[in-house]
């Protein structure tokens, strides 16, 4: 959430993979994640940023069992 102290201090917004791999986004493994940003403050909204890529959809597998 953009109003949380963590987001404001660290300028980071995390989105769970569970959100990105289902509709309406439906991203797949190794697909690039692109985002556009709008900042909102006391003075209003900023213009929307250019699209930028911030990573790839990656899954971390469970540890192997019965080796």
Protein backbone atom coordinates (compact mmCIF):
# COMPACT_ATOMS: atom_id res chain seq x y z
CA UNK A 1 0.00 0.00 0.00
CA UNK A 2 1.40 3.39 -0.96
CA UNK A 3 0.46 4.96 2.34
CA UNK A 4 2.38 2.51 4.54
CA UNK A 5 5.39 3.82 6.44
CA UNK A 6 7.57 1.06 4.94
CA UNK A 7 6.67 2.05 1.36
CA UNK A 8 7.19 5.74 2.05
CA UNK A 9 10.55 5.22 3.75
CA UNK A 10 12.00 2.62 1.40
CA UNK A 11 10.27 3.66 -1.83
CA UNK A 12 9.38 0.03 -2.47
CA UNK A 13 6.08 -1.58 -3.29
CA UNK A 14 5.93 -5.38 -3.32
CA UNK A 15 3.25 -7.28 -5.21
CA UNK A 16 2.72 -10.95 -4.39
CA UNK A 17 3.39 -13.42 -7.19
CA UNK A 18 -0.05 -14.92 -6.47
CA UNK A 19 -1.52 -11.66 -7.77
CA UNK A 20 0.54 -11.53 -10.97
CA UNK A 21 -0.02 -15.12 -12.18
CA UNK A 22 -3.83 -14.91 -12.23
CA UNK A 23 -6.27 -12.79 -14.27
CA UNK A 24 -6.15 -10.00 -15.25
CA UNK A 25 -2.32 -10.19 -15.40
CA UNK A 26 -1.81 -13.93 -16.04
CA UNK A 27 2.00 -13.71 -16.19
CA UNK A 28 3.91 -16.92 -16.85
CA UNK A 29 7.26 -18.31 -15.72
CA UNK A 30 10.22 -16.18 -16.91
CA UNK A 31 7.93 -13.47 -18.30
CA UNK A 32 9.14 -9.91 -17.70
CA UNK A 33 7.28 -7.79 -15.18
CA UNK A 34 6.61 -4.26 -16.46
CA UNK A 35 5.09 -1.44 -14.42
CA UNK A 36 4.07 2.20 -14.65
CA UNK A 37 4.01 4.44 -11.59
CA UNK A 38 1.82 7.34 -10.48
CA UNK A 39 2.91 9.19 -7.35
CA UNK A 40 0.28 10.85 -5.19
CA UNK A 41 1.01 13.44 -2.54
CA UNK A 42 -0.42 16.60 -0.97
CA UNK A 43 -0.27 18.40 -4.35
CA UNK A 44 -2.06 15.70 -6.33
CA UNK A 45 -1.07 13.00 -8.82
CA UNK A 46 2.08 12.94 -10.90
CA UNK A 47 2.01 12.14 -14.60
CA UNK A 48 2.21 8.40 -15.27
CA UNK A 49 5.78 7.19 -15.70
CA UNK A 50 7.18 5.39 -18.70
CA UNK A 51 6.91 1.62 -18.49
CA UNK A 52 9.90 -0.04 -16.87
CA UNK A 53 10.76 -3.64 -16.22
CA UNK A 54 11.69 -4.71 -12.75
CA UNK A 55 12.24 -8.44 -12.97
CA UNK A 56 11.07 -11.80 -14.17
CA UNK A 57 8.41 -14.14 -12.85
CA UNK A 58 10.39 -16.77 -10.93
CA UNK A 59 9.22 -19.64 -8.78
CA UNK A 60 11.33 -21.05 -5.96
CA UNK A 61 10.79 -24.80 -5.80
CA UNK A 62 10.35 -26.73 -2.57
CA UNK A 63 13.38 -28.57 -1.23
CA UNK A 64 13.79 -32.10 -2.62
CA UNK A 65 12.56 -35.01 -0.52
CA UNK A 66 13.47 -38.70 -0.41
CA UNK A 67 16.96 -38.34 -1.87
